[in-house]
Amino acid sequence: LAYATETLEVIAPLAHRLGIWEFKSELEELGFRYTYPEQYRHVKQLMREKEQEMTDALQAGGLAIKLKLLEDDPVLTHENVTLTVKGR
């Protein structure tokens, strides 16, 4: 538990300051998981419940962005450019 707390309070913020975003996120998740196991399970359950809703929203938003880009830039349409919009 002490290592998990240290990870949340010291190491993850250090990774943030160093710009190591992916590592920082993983450290925060692991630190939170072991420091606050009950809250972690609750948050994970909420995320599972909202996953499809979030996926649908990202797809709809991505489609709207693609359509707007194609509408505003005829070169994209003329050159038959493939557009991909990703969310994280």
N, C-alpha and C. Protein backbone atom coordinates (compact mmCIF):
# COMPACT_ATOMS: atom_id res chain seq x y z
N LEU A 1 0.83 -1.20 0.00
CA LEU A 1 0.00 0.00 0.00
C LEU A 1 0.87 1.26 0.00
N ALA A 2 1.98 1.22 0.70
CA ALA A 2 2.86 2.39 0.75
C ALA A 2 3.43 2.70 -0.63
N TYR A 3 3.80 1.66 -1.39
CA TYR A 3 4.33 1.88 -2.74
C TYR A 3 3.26 2.44 -3.67
N ALA A 4 2.04 1.96 -3.53
CA ALA A 4 0.95 2.45 -4.37
C ALA A 4 0.68 3.92 -4.08
N THR A 5 0.68 4.29 -2.81
CA THR A 5 0.46 5.69 -2.43
C THR A 5 1.61 6.57 -2.93
N GLU A 6 2.83 6.09 -2.78
CA GLU A 6 4.00 6.83 -3.27
C GLU A 6 3.92 7.01 -4.79
N THR A 7 3.45 5.99 -5.46
CA THR A 7 3.31 6.06 -6.91
C THR A 7 2.34 7.17 -7.29
N LEU A 8 1.20 7.23 -6.60
CA LEU A 8 0.20 8.26 -6.88
C LEU A 8 0.69 9.67 -6.54
N GLU A 9 1.37 9.80 -5.41
CA GLU A 9 1.73 11.11 -4.91
C GLU A 9 3.05 11.66 -5.43
N VAL A 10 3.98 10.76 -5.81
CA VAL A 10 5.32 11.22 -6.19
C VAL A 10 5.68 10.84 -7.63
N ILE A 11 5.61 9.56 -7.92
CA ILE A 11 6.15 9.08 -9.20
C ILE A 11 5.29 9.50 -10.39
N ALA A 12 3.97 9.35 -10.28
CA ALA A 12 3.09 9.75 -11.40
C ALA A 12 3.21 11.25 -11.70
N PRO A 13 3.20 12.14 -10.68
CA PRO A 13 3.40 13.56 -10.98
C PRO A 13 4.76 13.85 -11.62
N LEU A 14 5.78 13.10 -11.21
CA LEU A 14 7.10 13.26 -11.81
C LEU A 14 7.07 12.87 -13.29
N ALA A 15 6.43 11.76 -13.60
CA ALA A 15 6.28 11.34 -15.00
C ALA A 15 5.53 12.41 -15.79
N HIS A 16 4.53 13.01 -15.17
CA HIS A 16 3.77 14.09 -15.82
C HIS A 16 4.69 15.26 -16.16
N ARG A 17 5.50 15.67 -15.20
CA ARG A 17 6.41 16.80 -15.42
C ARG A 17 7.46 16.50 -16.48
N LEU A 18 7.82 15.22 -16.59
CA LEU A 18 8.81 14.82 -17.59
C LEU A 18 8.19 14.60 -18.97
N GLY A 19 6.86 14.67 -19.03
CA GLY A 19 6.18 14.52 -20.31
C GLY A 19 5.99 13.08 -20.75
N ILE A 20 6.06 12.16 -19.82
CA ILE A 20 5.89 10.73 -20.14
C ILE A 20 4.43 10.38 -19.87
N TRP A 21 3.54 10.82 -20.75
CA TRP A 21 2.10 10.76 -20.50
C TRP A 21 1.57 9.34 -20.37
N GLU A 22 1.97 8.45 -21.26
CA GLU A 22 1.44 7.08 -21.21
C GLU A 22 1.87 6.39 -19.91
N PHE A 23 3.11 6.57 -19.53
CA PHE A 23 3.63 5.99 -18.30
C PHE A 23 2.91 6.58 -17.09
N LYS A 24 2.70 7.90 -17.11
CA LYS A 24 2.00 8.59 -16.03
C LYS A 24 0.60 8.02 -15.85
N SER A 25 -0.12 7.83 -16.95
CA SER A 25 -1.49 7.31 -16.87
C SER A 25 -1.52 5.91 -16.28
N GLU A 26 -0.59 5.08 -16.71
CA GLU A 26 -0.53 3.72 -16.19
C GLU A 26 -0.19 3.72 -14.70
N LEU A 27 0.75 4.56 -14.30
CA LEU A 27 1.11 4.66 -12.88
C LEU A 27 -0.08 5.13 -12.04
N GLU A 28 -0.81 6.12 -12.54
CA GLU A 28 -1.97 6.61 -11.80
C GLU A 28 -3.02 5.52 -11.65
N GLU A 29 -3.26 4.79 -12.72
CA GLU A 29 -4.27 3.74 -12.65
C GLU A 29 -3.86 2.66 -11.64
N LEU A 30 -2.61 2.22 -11.71
CA LEU A 30 -2.15 1.18 -10.78
C LEU A 30 -2.14 1.69 -9.33
N GLY A 31 -1.65 2.92 -9.15
CA GLY A 31 -1.63 3.48 -7.80
C GLY A 31 -3.02 3.60 -7.21
N PHE A 32 -3.96 4.09 -8.02
CA PHE A 32 -5.35 4.25 -7.58
C PHE A 32 -5.96 2.88 -7.28
N ARG A 33 -5.67 1.91 -8.14
CA ARG A 33 -6.23 0.56 -7.99
C ARG A 33 -5.87 -0.06 -6.64
N TYR A 34 -4.63 0.12 -6.22
CA TYR A 34 -4.20 -0.52 -4.98
C TYR A 34 -4.37 0.36 -3.74
N THR A 35 -4.41 1.68 -3.92
CA THR A 35 -4.62 2.57 -2.78
C THR A 35 -6.10 2.67 -2.42
N TYR A 36 -6.95 2.68 -3.44
CA TYR A 36 -8.40 2.81 -3.25
C TYR A 36 -9.14 1.70 -4.01
N PRO A 37 -9.00 0.44 -3.60
CA PRO A 37 -9.55 -0.67 -4.38
C PRO A 37 -11.07 -0.62 -4.57
N GLU A 38 -11.79 -0.20 -3.56
CA GLU A 38 -13.25 -0.14 -3.66
C GLU A 38 -13.69 0.92 -4.68
N GLN A 39 -13.10 2.10 -4.57
CA GLN A 39 -13.43 3.18 -5.50
C GLN A 39 -12.99 2.81 -6.92
N TYR A 40 -11.86 2.12 -7.05
CA TYR A 40 -11.38 1.68 -8.36
C TYR A 40 -12.40 0.76 -9.03
N ARG A 41 -12.89 -0.21 -8.28
CA ARG A 41 -13.89 -1.14 -8.84
C ARG A 41 -15.15 -0.38 -9.27
N HIS A 42 -15.56 0.58 -8.47
CA HIS A 42 -16.74 1.38 -8.79
C HIS A 42 -16.53 2.16 -10.09
N VAL A 43 -15.40 2.82 -10.21
CA VAL A 43 -15.11 3.61 -11.41
C VAL A 43 -15.02 2.71 -12.64
N LYS A 44 -14.38 1.55 -12.51
CA LYS A 44 -14.28 0.62 -13.64
C LYS A 44 -15.66 0.16 -14.08
N GLN A 45 -16.55 -0.11 -13.13
CA GLN A 45 -17.91 -0.52 -13.46
C GLN A 45 -18.65 0.59 -14.21
N LEU A 46 -18.50 1.82 -13.73
CA LEU A 46 -19.13 2.95 -14.41
C LEU A 46 -18.60 3.10 -15.83
N MET A 47 -17.32 2.90 -16.01
CA MET A 47 -16.72 3.01 -17.34
C MET A 47 -17.25 1.91 -18.26
N ARG A 48 -17.38 0.71 -17.75
CA ARG A 48 -17.93 -0.39 -18.56
C ARG A 48 -19.36 -0.08 -19.00
N GLU A 49 -20.13 0.50 -18.08
CA GLU A 49 -21.52 0.83 -18.38
C GLU A 49 -21.64 1.92 -19.44
N LYS A 50 -20.70 2.84 -19.47
CA LYS A 50 -20.74 3.98 -20.40
C LYS A 50 -19.94 3.75 -21.68
N GLU A 51 -19.24 2.62 -21.78
CA GLU A 51 -18.33 2.39 -22.89
C GLU A 51 -19.02 2.51 -24.26
N GLN A 52 -20.14 1.85 -24.45
CA GLN A 52 -20.82 1.90 -25.75
C GLN A 52 -21.32 3.30 -26.07
N GLU A 53 -21.83 3.97 -25.05
CA GLU A 53 -22.30 5.35 -25.24
C GLU A 53 -21.15 6.26 -25.69
N MET A 54 -20.00 6.11 -25.06
CA MET A 54 -18.84 6.93 -25.43
C MET A 54 -18.34 6.58 -26.83
N THR A 55 -18.33 5.29 -27.17
CA THR A 55 -17.91 4.86 -28.50
C THR A 55 -18.83 5.44 -29.57
N ASP A 56 -20.12 5.37 -29.33
CA ASP A 56 -21.10 5.92 -30.27
C ASP A 56 -20.91 7.43 -30.45
N ALA A 57 -20.67 8.13 -29.35
CA ALA A 57 -20.47 9.59 -29.42
C ALA A 57 -19.21 9.92 -30.21
N LEU A 58 -18.14 9.17 -29.99
CA LEU A 58 -16.90 9.41 -30.74
C LEU A 58 -17.10 9.15 -32.23
N GLN A 59 -17.81 8.09 -32.56
CA GLN A 59 -18.06 7.78 -33.97
C GLN A 59 -18.91 8.87 -34.63
N ALA A 60 -19.93 9.32 -33.93
CA ALA A 60 -20.79 10.39 -34.48
C ALA A 60 -20.00 11.67 -34.66
N GLY A 61 -19.18 12.00 -33.67
CA GLY A 61 -18.35 13.21 -33.76
C GLY A 61 -17.34 13.10 -34.89
N GLY A 62 -16.73 11.93 -35.01
CA GLY A 62 -15.76 11.71 -36.08
C GLY A 62 -16.39 11.84 -37.45
N LEU A 63 -17.59 11.31 -37.61
CA LEU A 63 -18.30 11.42 -38.88
C LEU A 63 -18.62 12.88 -39.20
N ALA A 64 -19.06 13.63 -38.20
CA ALA A 64 -19.37 15.04 -38.40
C ALA A 64 -18.12 15.82 -38.82
N ILE A 65 -16.98 15.50 -38.21
CA ILE A 65 -15.72 16.18 -38.57
C ILE A 65 -15.33 15.84 -40.01
N LYS A 66 -15.42 14.57 -40.37
CA LYS A 66 -15.09 14.16 -41.75
C LYS A 66 -15.97 14.88 -42.76
N LEU A 67 -17.27 14.88 -42.51
CA LEU A 67 -18.20 15.52 -43.45
C LEU A 67 -17.91 17.01 -43.59
N LYS A 68 -17.63 17.66 -42.48
CA LYS A 68 -17.34 19.10 -42.52
C LYS A 68 -16.04 19.37 -43.28
N LEU A 69 -15.03 18.55 -43.06
CA LEU A 69 -13.77 18.73 -43.79
C LEU A 69 -13.97 18.54 -45.29
N LEU A 70 -14.71 17.51 -45.66
CA LEU A 70 -14.95 17.25 -47.07
C LEU A 70 -15.79 18.36 -47.71
N GLU A 71 -16.74 18.88 -46.94
CA GLU A 71 -17.59 19.97 -47.43
C GLU A 71 -16.79 21.25 -47.64
N ASP A 72 -15.87 21.54 -46.70
CA ASP A 72 -15.12 22.79 -46.73
C ASP A 72 -13.89 22.75 -47.64
N ASP A 73 -13.42 21.56 -48.00
CA ASP A 73 -12.20 21.45 -48.79
C ASP A 73 -12.41 20.52 -49.98
N PRO A 74 -12.77 21.07 -51.13
CA PRO A 74 -13.04 20.23 -52.30
C PRO A 74 -11.83 19.44 -52.78
N VAL A 75 -10.63 19.88 -52.43
CA VAL A 75 -9.42 19.14 -52.81
C VAL A 75 -9.43 17.76 -52.18
N LEU A 76 -9.88 17.66 -50.95
CA LEU A 76 -9.95 16.36 -50.28
C LEU A 76 -10.86 15.41 -51.03
N THR A 77 -11.99 15.91 -51.47
CA THR A 77 -12.93 15.08 -52.22
C THR A 77 -12.35 14.72 -53.59
N HIS A 78 -11.80 15.71 -54.27
CA HIS A 78 -11.24 15.50 -55.61
C HIS A 78 -10.09 14.50 -55.59
N GLU A 79 -9.23 14.57 -54.58
CA GLU A 79 -8.07 13.68 -54.49
C GLU A 79 -8.42 12.33 -53.88
N ASN A 80 -9.66 12.15 -53.51
CA ASN A 80 -10.14 10.88 -52.92
C ASN A 80 -9.34 10.51 -51.65
N VAL A 81 -9.15 11.48 -50.79
CA VAL A 81 -8.39 11.31 -49.55
C VAL A 81 -9.21 10.53 -48.54
N THR A 82 -8.58 9.59 -47.85
CA THR A 82 -9.23 8.83 -46.78
C THR A 82 -8.96 9.52 -45.45
N LEU A 83 -10.01 9.83 -44.74
CA LEU A 83 -9.88 10.51 -43.45
C LEU A 83 -10.17 9.52 -42.32
N THR A 84 -9.38 9.61 -41.25
CA THR A 84 -9.59 8.79 -40.07
C THR A 84 -9.58 9.71 -38.85
N VAL A 85 -10.59 9.60 -38.03
CA VAL A 85 -10.67 10.37 -36.78
C VAL A 85 -10.64 9.36 -35.65
N LYS A 86 -9.72 9.57 -34.69
CA LYS A 86 -9.59 8.64 -33.56
C LYS A 86 -9.77 9.39 -32.25
N GLY A 87 -10.34 8.72 -31.29
CA GLY A 87 -10.47 9.27 -29.95
C GLY A 87 -9.68 8.42 -28.99
N ARG A 88 -9.41 8.98 -27.85
CA ARG A 88 -8.68 8.19 -26.84
C ARG A 88 -9.39 8.27 -25.52
